[in-house]
N, C-alpha and C. Protein backbone atom coordinates (compact mmCIF):
# COMPACT_ATOMS: atom_id res chain seq x y z
N UNK A 1 120.48 130.07 98.76
CA UNK A 1 120.57 128.95 97.90
C UNK A 1 120.15 127.70 98.61
N UNK A 2 119.25 126.93 97.99
CA UNK A 2 118.76 125.70 98.60
C UNK A 2 119.54 124.52 98.01
N UNK A 3 120.06 123.74 98.90
CA UNK A 3 120.83 122.57 98.39
C UNK A 3 120.00 121.33 98.14
N UNK A 4 118.97 121.15 98.98
CA UNK A 4 118.08 120.00 98.78
C UNK A 4 116.73 120.29 99.33
N UNK A 5 115.71 119.63 98.77
CA UNK A 5 114.39 119.78 99.23
C UNK A 5 113.89 118.47 99.82
N UNK A 6 113.47 118.55 101.08
CA UNK A 6 112.97 117.35 101.71
C UNK A 6 111.51 117.12 101.28
N UNK A 7 111.36 115.94 100.74
CA UNK A 7 109.95 115.57 100.25
C UNK A 7 109.33 114.63 101.19
N UNK A 8 108.15 114.80 101.59
CA UNK A 8 107.43 113.87 102.45
C UNK A 8 107.64 114.19 103.90
N UNK A 9 108.74 113.69 104.43
CA UNK A 9 109.03 113.92 105.85
C UNK A 9 108.74 112.69 106.64
N UNK A 10 108.55 112.96 107.96
CA UNK A 10 108.36 111.86 108.92
C UNK A 10 107.07 111.12 108.68
N UNK A 11 106.02 111.80 108.32
CA UNK A 11 104.71 111.16 108.10
C UNK A 11 104.77 110.15 106.99
N UNK A 12 105.37 110.52 105.85
CA UNK A 12 105.45 109.57 104.76
C UNK A 12 106.32 108.40 105.10
N UNK A 13 107.39 108.57 105.86
CA UNK A 13 108.21 107.52 106.29
C UNK A 13 107.40 106.56 107.13
N UNK A 14 106.61 107.07 108.05
CA UNK A 14 105.83 106.24 108.94
C UNK A 14 104.78 105.43 108.11
N UNK A 15 104.16 106.07 107.09
CA UNK A 15 103.18 105.38 106.24
C UNK A 15 103.86 104.23 105.48
N UNK A 16 105.03 104.49 105.00
CA UNK A 16 105.79 103.44 104.23
C UNK A 16 106.17 102.29 105.17
N UNK A 17 106.59 102.57 106.40
CA UNK A 17 106.93 101.52 107.30
C UNK A 17 105.70 100.70 107.72
N UNK A 18 104.56 101.32 107.92
CA UNK A 18 103.36 100.57 108.24
C UNK A 18 102.92 99.70 107.07
N UNK A 19 102.99 100.21 105.85
CA UNK A 19 102.65 99.36 104.67
C UNK A 19 103.63 98.22 104.54
N UNK A 20 104.90 98.50 104.78
CA UNK A 20 105.86 97.39 104.72
C UNK A 20 105.58 96.31 105.80
N UNK A 21 105.16 96.72 106.91
CA UNK A 21 104.84 95.78 107.98
C UNK A 21 103.64 94.92 107.61
N UNK A 22 102.64 95.50 107.01
CA UNK A 22 101.47 94.77 106.56
C UNK A 22 101.81 93.75 105.45
N UNK A 23 102.58 94.17 104.52
CA UNK A 23 103.05 93.31 103.45
C UNK A 23 103.86 92.14 103.99
N UNK A 24 104.75 92.41 104.96
CA UNK A 24 105.59 91.42 105.54
C UNK A 24 104.75 90.39 106.28
N UNK A 25 103.73 90.87 107.04
CA UNK A 25 102.88 89.97 107.78
C UNK A 25 102.07 89.11 106.82
N UNK A 26 101.60 89.62 105.69
CA UNK A 26 100.86 88.87 104.75
C UNK A 26 101.77 87.74 104.15
N UNK A 27 102.94 88.08 103.80
CA UNK A 27 103.87 87.09 103.22
C UNK A 27 104.16 86.03 104.27
N UNK A 28 104.39 86.43 105.51
CA UNK A 28 104.67 85.50 106.57
C UNK A 28 103.44 84.54 106.81
N UNK A 29 102.28 85.05 106.89
CA UNK A 29 101.12 84.15 107.10
C UNK A 29 100.82 83.25 105.96
N UNK A 30 100.95 83.72 104.76
CA UNK A 30 100.53 82.95 103.62
C UNK A 30 101.57 82.13 102.91
N UNK A 31 102.81 82.38 103.10
CA UNK A 31 103.84 81.71 102.37
C UNK A 31 104.86 81.02 103.26
N UNK A 32 105.10 81.49 104.45
CA UNK A 32 106.17 80.93 105.25
C UNK A 32 105.66 79.97 106.32
N UNK A 33 104.45 80.04 106.69
CA UNK A 33 103.91 79.08 107.69
C UNK A 33 103.35 77.88 106.96
N UNK A 34 103.71 76.70 107.42
CA UNK A 34 103.26 75.50 106.81
C UNK A 34 101.79 75.28 107.13
N UNK A 35 101.09 74.57 106.28
CA UNK A 35 99.71 74.34 106.43
C UNK A 35 99.36 73.22 107.37
N UNK A 36 100.36 72.69 108.13
CA UNK A 36 100.11 71.55 109.06
C UNK A 36 99.28 72.04 110.23
N UNK A 37 98.33 71.24 110.67
CA UNK A 37 97.62 71.60 111.91
C UNK A 37 98.56 71.39 113.12
N UNK A 38 98.27 72.08 114.20
CA UNK A 38 99.08 71.85 115.39
C UNK A 38 99.02 70.40 115.92
N UNK A 39 100.04 69.94 116.60
CA UNK A 39 99.99 68.59 117.17
C UNK A 39 98.93 68.54 118.25
N UNK A 40 98.55 67.34 118.62
CA UNK A 40 97.52 67.12 119.70
C UNK A 40 97.97 67.79 120.98
N UNK A 41 99.24 67.63 121.32
CA UNK A 41 99.74 68.16 122.55
C UNK A 41 99.69 69.71 122.54
N UNK A 42 100.14 70.32 121.40
CA UNK A 42 100.06 71.76 121.30
C UNK A 42 98.65 72.31 121.36
N UNK A 43 97.71 71.55 120.73
CA UNK A 43 96.34 71.96 120.79
C UNK A 43 95.79 71.85 122.19
N UNK A 44 96.17 70.84 122.95
CA UNK A 44 95.77 70.67 124.36
C UNK A 44 96.27 71.84 125.20
N UNK A 45 97.53 72.15 125.03
CA UNK A 45 98.14 73.26 125.79
C UNK A 45 97.45 74.60 125.50
N UNK A 46 97.18 74.80 124.22
CA UNK A 46 96.51 76.10 123.83
C UNK A 46 95.11 76.09 124.45
N UNK A 47 94.39 75.03 124.35
CA UNK A 47 93.03 74.96 124.92
C UNK A 47 93.02 75.21 126.43
N UNK A 48 93.99 74.60 127.12
CA UNK A 48 94.05 74.76 128.61
C UNK A 48 94.39 76.22 128.95
N UNK A 49 95.22 76.86 128.13
CA UNK A 49 95.61 78.26 128.38
C UNK A 49 94.39 79.12 128.19
N UNK A 50 93.60 78.80 127.16
CA UNK A 50 92.30 79.58 126.93
C UNK A 50 91.36 79.41 128.12
N UNK A 51 91.30 78.18 128.68
CA UNK A 51 90.39 77.95 129.80
C UNK A 51 90.85 78.78 130.99
N UNK A 52 92.12 78.86 131.25
CA UNK A 52 92.62 79.68 132.38
C UNK A 52 92.32 81.17 132.22
N UNK A 53 92.38 81.62 130.96
CA UNK A 53 92.11 83.02 130.66
C UNK A 53 90.67 83.34 130.73
N UNK A 54 89.78 82.52 130.30
CA UNK A 54 88.37 82.93 130.09
C UNK A 54 87.46 82.47 131.28
N UNK A 55 87.82 81.41 131.97
CA UNK A 55 86.95 80.90 133.01
C UNK A 55 87.33 81.47 134.35
N UNK A 56 86.36 82.14 134.98
CA UNK A 56 86.62 82.79 136.30
C UNK A 56 86.16 81.94 137.49
N UNK A 57 85.18 81.11 137.21
CA UNK A 57 84.66 80.24 138.28
C UNK A 57 85.19 78.82 138.16
N UNK A 58 85.39 78.17 139.28
CA UNK A 58 85.97 76.80 139.30
C UNK A 58 85.18 75.79 138.49
N UNK A 59 83.90 75.70 138.65
CA UNK A 59 83.17 74.70 137.86
C UNK A 59 83.27 74.92 136.33
N UNK A 60 83.21 76.17 135.92
CA UNK A 60 83.33 76.48 134.49
C UNK A 60 84.74 76.10 133.97
N UNK A 61 85.72 76.44 134.81
CA UNK A 61 87.12 76.15 134.42
C UNK A 61 87.31 74.62 134.26
N UNK A 62 86.77 73.89 135.27
CA UNK A 62 86.83 72.44 135.25
C UNK A 62 86.16 71.85 134.02
N UNK A 63 84.99 72.36 133.68
CA UNK A 63 84.31 71.85 132.49
C UNK A 63 85.03 72.13 131.20
N UNK A 64 85.67 73.33 131.14
CA UNK A 64 86.41 73.67 129.96
C UNK A 64 87.64 72.79 129.83
N UNK A 65 88.39 72.48 130.97
CA UNK A 65 89.53 71.64 130.96
C UNK A 65 89.12 70.18 130.57
N UNK A 66 87.99 69.75 131.06
CA UNK A 66 87.45 68.43 130.73
C UNK A 66 87.24 68.28 129.19
N UNK A 67 86.64 69.38 128.63
CA UNK A 67 86.38 69.36 127.22
C UNK A 67 87.70 69.36 126.43
N UNK A 68 88.68 70.13 126.88
CA UNK A 68 90.02 70.08 126.29
C UNK A 68 90.63 68.63 126.27
N UNK A 69 90.50 68.01 127.42
CA UNK A 69 91.06 66.67 127.58
C UNK A 69 90.37 65.69 126.62
N UNK A 70 89.02 65.80 126.52
CA UNK A 70 88.28 64.94 125.57
C UNK A 70 88.69 65.16 124.14
N UNK A 71 88.87 66.44 123.84
CA UNK A 71 89.33 66.78 122.44
C UNK A 71 90.71 66.22 122.19
N UNK A 72 91.58 66.25 123.17
CA UNK A 72 92.97 65.76 123.00
C UNK A 72 92.98 64.25 122.81
N UNK A 73 92.12 63.59 123.62
CA UNK A 73 92.03 62.13 123.49
C UNK A 73 91.47 61.71 122.09
N UNK A 74 90.50 62.46 121.60
CA UNK A 74 89.90 62.19 120.31
C UNK A 74 90.94 62.40 119.22
N UNK A 75 91.82 63.44 119.41
CA UNK A 75 92.83 63.75 118.43
C UNK A 75 93.83 62.63 118.40
N UNK A 76 94.25 62.09 119.58
CA UNK A 76 95.23 61.00 119.62
C UNK A 76 94.65 59.72 119.01
N UNK A 77 93.33 59.52 119.15
CA UNK A 77 92.74 58.31 118.55
C UNK A 77 92.71 58.42 117.04
N UNK A 78 92.57 59.63 116.48
CA UNK A 78 92.53 59.81 115.05
C UNK A 78 93.89 59.55 114.42
N UNK A 79 94.94 59.78 115.11
CA UNK A 79 96.30 59.59 114.59
C UNK A 79 96.69 58.16 114.53
């Protein structure tokens, strides 16, 4: 005598969890995050971090950081 039949199993549970994660991310990105641009200081920090990650030679890193600084100064002037 069979008391219950398992339908789906682990694979269907995994598929449902992945779908739920994608829907949650979509809602988070489109409805919960404000449309405000980052502050000038946050943009400068992000730019500097990108320079450290991508530039392997000192002259290229310095040029990237100089560009970040110019962008930050322009951002402050616009405010």
